[in-house]
N, C-alpha and C. Protein backbone atom coordinates (compact mmCIF):
# COMPACT_ATOMS: atom_id res chain seq x y z
N MET A 1 17.85 -6.29 25.56
CA MET A 1 16.75 -5.72 25.07
C MET A 1 16.05 -6.37 24.06
N LYS A 2 14.68 -6.65 24.00
CA LYS A 2 14.06 -7.03 22.75
C LYS A 2 13.55 -5.77 21.72
N CYS A 3 13.77 -6.07 20.58
CA CYS A 3 13.43 -5.14 19.63
C CYS A 3 11.96 -5.24 19.07
N PHE A 4 11.55 -6.54 19.03
CA PHE A 4 10.35 -7.09 18.56
C PHE A 4 9.66 -7.85 19.25
N ALA A 5 8.12 -7.96 19.28
CA ALA A 5 7.28 -8.83 20.28
C ALA A 5 6.56 -9.49 18.99
N THR A 6 6.20 -10.77 19.35
CA THR A 6 5.62 -11.64 18.68
C THR A 6 4.09 -11.01 18.69
N HIS A 7 3.34 -11.36 17.71
CA HIS A 7 2.07 -10.59 17.52
C HIS A 7 1.05 -11.95 16.79
N CYS A 8 0.14 -12.23 17.45
CA CYS A 8 -0.75 -13.37 16.77
C CYS A 8 -1.56 -12.81 15.64
N VAL A 9 -1.50 -13.07 14.36
CA VAL A 9 -2.34 -12.36 13.45
C VAL A 9 -3.73 -12.94 13.48
N THR A 10 -5.09 -12.24 13.74
CA THR A 10 -6.31 -12.71 13.61
C THR A 10 -6.57 -13.28 12.03
N ALA A 11 -7.85 -13.68 11.96
CA ALA A 11 -8.26 -13.95 10.59
C ALA A 11 -8.49 -12.63 9.97
N GLU A 12 -9.21 -11.58 10.68
CA GLU A 12 -9.51 -10.45 10.20
C GLU A 12 -8.29 -9.99 9.71
N GLU A 13 -7.22 -9.61 10.44
CA GLU A 13 -6.25 -8.83 10.10
C GLU A 13 -5.53 -9.36 8.81
N ALA A 14 -5.54 -10.83 8.57
CA ALA A 14 -5.04 -11.45 7.55
C ALA A 14 -5.59 -11.08 6.19
N LYS A 15 -6.59 -10.53 6.30
CA LYS A 15 -7.40 -9.94 4.90
C LYS A 15 -6.95 -8.59 4.36
N TYR A 16 -6.13 -7.90 5.15
CA TYR A 16 -5.40 -6.58 4.89
C TYR A 16 -4.25 -6.56 4.82
N LYS A 17 -3.57 -5.73 3.98
CA LYS A 17 -2.06 -5.67 3.65
C LYS A 17 -1.46 -4.11 3.59
N LEU A 18 -0.52 -3.50 4.09
CA LEU A 18 0.06 -2.17 3.86
C LEU A 18 1.20 -2.50 2.40
N CYS A 19 0.85 -1.66 1.43
CA CYS A 19 1.67 -1.92 0.43
C CYS A 19 2.31 -0.55 0.19
N LYS A 20 3.60 -0.50 -0.20
CA LYS A 20 4.31 0.47 -0.76
C LYS A 20 4.13 0.73 -2.13
N ILE A 21 3.79 2.14 -2.48
CA ILE A 21 3.72 2.35 -4.05
C ILE A 21 5.31 2.66 -4.74
N LYS A 22 5.35 1.82 -5.56
CA LYS A 22 6.54 2.17 -6.28
C LYS A 22 6.34 2.99 -7.46
N ARG A 23 5.50 2.62 -8.47
CA ARG A 23 5.32 3.40 -9.60
C ARG A 23 3.96 3.59 -9.84
N VAL A 24 3.69 4.98 -10.42
CA VAL A 24 2.17 5.21 -10.81
C VAL A 24 2.42 5.61 -12.39
N GLN A 25 1.47 4.93 -13.19
CA GLN A 25 1.60 5.35 -14.64
C GLN A 25 -0.09 5.52 -14.89
N THR A 26 -0.11 6.03 -16.52
CA THR A 26 -1.40 5.74 -17.12
C THR A 26 -1.14 5.20 -18.29
N SER A 27 -2.43 3.91 -18.42
CA SER A 27 -2.45 3.13 -19.39
C SER A 27 -2.61 3.66 -20.96
N SER A 28 -2.70 3.23 -21.91
CA SER A 28 -2.86 3.41 -22.95
C SER A 28 -4.25 4.08 -23.40
N GLU A 29 -5.14 3.42 -22.50
CA GLU A 29 -6.72 3.80 -22.77
C GLU A 29 -7.02 5.04 -21.80
N GLY A 30 -5.97 5.34 -21.03
CA GLY A 30 -6.17 6.68 -20.14
C GLY A 30 -6.46 6.37 -18.74
N MET A 31 -6.34 4.83 -18.45
CA MET A 31 -6.41 4.72 -17.12
C MET A 31 -5.44 4.66 -16.13
N PRO A 32 -5.32 5.43 -14.85
CA PRO A 32 -4.17 5.34 -14.24
C PRO A 32 -4.27 3.93 -13.31
N PHE A 33 -3.08 3.62 -13.01
CA PHE A 33 -2.63 2.41 -12.39
C PHE A 33 -1.24 2.54 -11.67
N LEU A 34 -1.25 1.93 -10.61
CA LEU A 34 -0.12 1.74 -9.69
C LEU A 34 0.56 0.47 -9.59
N VAL A 35 1.92 0.53 -9.17
CA VAL A 35 2.73 -0.85 -8.86
C VAL A 35 3.16 -0.87 -7.70
N THR A 36 2.76 -1.74 -6.63
CA THR A 36 3.22 -1.88 -5.36
C THR A 36 4.55 -2.61 -5.17
N HIS A 37 5.13 -2.58 -4.14
CA HIS A 37 6.46 -3.08 -3.87
C HIS A 37 6.50 -4.58 -4.04
N ASP A 38 5.51 -5.26 -3.90
CA ASP A 38 5.30 -6.66 -4.03
C ASP A 38 4.99 -6.85 -5.62
N GLY A 39 4.53 -6.16 -6.42
CA GLY A 39 4.50 -6.40 -7.84
C GLY A 39 3.01 -6.39 -8.43
N ARG A 40 2.20 -5.98 -7.24
CA ARG A 40 0.79 -5.80 -7.72
C ARG A 40 0.47 -4.68 -8.50
N THR A 41 -0.29 -4.64 -9.40
CA THR A 41 -0.83 -3.47 -10.45
C THR A 41 -2.19 -3.55 -10.21
N ILE A 42 -2.56 -2.09 -9.65
CA ILE A 42 -3.94 -1.84 -9.24
C ILE A 42 -4.31 -0.66 -9.91
N ARG A 43 -5.69 -0.84 -10.55
CA ARG A 43 -6.04 0.48 -11.24
C ARG A 43 -6.71 1.16 -10.12
N TYR A 44 -6.77 2.62 -10.38
CA TYR A 44 -7.13 3.55 -9.31
C TYR A 44 -7.65 4.79 -10.01
N LEU A 45 -8.58 5.86 -9.31
CA LEU A 45 -9.03 6.82 -9.57
C LEU A 45 -8.41 7.75 -8.67
N ASP A 46 -8.20 7.81 -7.43
CA ASP A 46 -7.88 8.80 -6.27
C ASP A 46 -6.61 9.43 -6.75
N PRO A 47 -6.64 10.62 -7.02
CA PRO A 47 -5.23 11.81 -7.56
C PRO A 47 -4.69 12.00 -6.47
N ILE A 48 -5.05 11.37 -5.25
CA ILE A 48 -4.20 11.86 -3.93
C ILE A 48 -2.85 10.89 -4.04
N ILE A 49 -3.06 9.44 -4.56
CA ILE A 49 -2.40 8.68 -4.40
C ILE A 49 -0.85 8.96 -5.37
N LYS A 50 0.25 8.85 -4.61
CA LYS A 50 1.64 9.13 -5.04
C LYS A 50 2.60 8.24 -4.95
N ILE A 51 3.65 8.15 -5.83
CA ILE A 51 4.71 7.30 -5.20
C ILE A 51 5.28 7.82 -4.03
N ASN A 52 5.82 6.60 -3.59
CA ASN A 52 6.57 6.21 -2.22
C ASN A 52 5.25 6.19 -1.09
N GLY A 53 4.12 6.75 -1.26
CA GLY A 53 3.03 6.67 -0.49
C GLY A 53 2.77 5.04 0.04
N THR A 54 1.79 4.89 1.01
CA THR A 54 1.45 3.50 1.13
C THR A 54 -0.01 3.41 1.11
N ILE A 55 -0.64 2.30 0.66
CA ILE A 55 -2.13 2.11 0.55
C ILE A 55 -2.34 0.82 1.57
N TYR A 56 -3.52 0.97 2.07
CA TYR A 56 -4.27 -0.22 2.72
C TYR A 56 -5.02 -0.90 1.95
N LEU A 57 -4.80 -2.02 1.66
CA LEU A 57 -5.42 -2.91 0.64
C LEU A 57 -6.00 -4.23 1.30
N ASN A 58 -7.35 -4.24 0.80
CA ASN A 58 -8.02 -5.73 1.15
C ASN A 58 -7.54 -6.39 0.36
N ILE A 59 -6.93 -7.82 0.44
CA ILE A 59 -6.30 -8.72 0.04
C ILE A 59 -7.46 -9.52 -0.78
N THR A 60 -8.72 -9.82 -0.29
CA THR A 60 -9.55 -10.85 -1.05
C THR A 60 -10.29 -9.97 -2.06
N THR A 61 -10.49 -8.88 -1.97
CA THR A 61 -11.22 -8.02 -3.12
C THR A 61 -10.37 -7.25 -3.94
N GLY A 62 -9.06 -7.11 -3.58
CA GLY A 62 -8.17 -6.21 -4.15
C GLY A 62 -8.40 -4.60 -4.40
N LYS A 63 -9.28 -4.41 -3.40
CA LYS A 63 -9.67 -2.94 -3.31
C LYS A 63 -8.85 -2.03 -2.41
N ILE A 64 -8.30 -0.75 -2.67
CA ILE A 64 -7.57 0.01 -1.80
C ILE A 64 -8.73 0.68 -0.90
N LEU A 65 -8.56 0.62 0.30
CA LEU A 65 -9.45 1.03 1.40
C LEU A 65 -8.83 2.54 1.86
N ASP A 66 -7.69 2.54 1.84
CA ASP A 66 -7.05 4.01 2.42
C ASP A 66 -5.72 4.27 2.10
N SER A 67 -5.24 5.42 1.71
CA SER A 67 -4.04 5.74 1.66
C SER A 67 -3.48 6.68 2.35
N ILE A 68 -1.98 6.64 2.34
CA ILE A 68 -1.16 7.19 3.48
C ILE A 68 -0.04 7.76 2.42
N ARG A 69 -0.23 9.46 2.26
CA ARG A 69 0.98 10.06 1.59
C ARG A 69 2.19 10.14 2.47
N PHE A 70 3.17 9.86 1.66
CA PHE A 70 4.53 10.02 2.24
C PHE A 70 4.97 11.48 2.42
N ASN A 71 5.18 11.80 3.53
CA ASN A 71 5.57 13.64 3.93
C ASN A 71 7.03 13.34 4.46
N SER A 72 7.58 14.63 4.47
CA SER A 72 9.05 14.29 5.01
C SER A 72 8.96 14.69 6.52
N ASP A 73 7.72 15.05 7.11
CA ASP A 73 7.66 14.99 8.55
C ASP A 73 6.94 13.91 9.23
N ASN A 74 6.79 12.97 8.27
CA ASN A 74 6.05 11.50 8.64
C ASN A 74 7.11 10.96 9.67
N TYR A 75 6.91 10.19 10.60
CA TYR A 75 7.98 9.35 11.47
C TYR A 75 8.21 7.99 10.76
N ILE A 76 7.31 7.32 9.94
CA ILE A 76 7.26 5.96 9.75
C ILE A 76 7.10 5.92 8.24
N GLN A 77 8.00 4.84 7.46
CA GLN A 77 7.78 4.81 6.11
C GLN A 77 7.64 3.33 5.74
N ASN A 78 6.71 2.78 5.21
CA ASN A 78 6.66 1.40 5.02
C ASN A 78 7.66 0.81 3.78
N LEU A 79 8.78 0.21 4.23
CA LEU A 79 9.59 -0.34 3.16
C LEU A 79 9.19 -1.58 2.75
N GLU A 80 8.62 -2.67 3.34
CA GLU A 80 8.52 -3.98 2.84
C GLU A 80 7.13 -4.51 3.53
N ARG A 81 6.78 -5.40 3.42
CA ARG A 81 5.52 -6.07 4.09
C ARG A 81 5.59 -6.21 5.73
N ILE A 82 4.51 -5.67 6.27
CA ILE A 82 4.43 -5.44 7.89
C ILE A 82 3.26 -6.34 8.13
């Protein structure tokens, strides 16, 4: 039984990434920022973004396109790069 199937990543799909949020802090100037599982530091203003959530990140611009909060009733959690 196969657990994984290969998937060809298109050029459009290669521009985006799912990142798990490891840390959320505020800078000395009062600007909130987050640190992802791969070491990226991103400034943000959305109060919905919390630790252990997942962000949908545009790699070329570095902007957060969407965020997914981690809840206990969620079926899947992003642990590493997918």
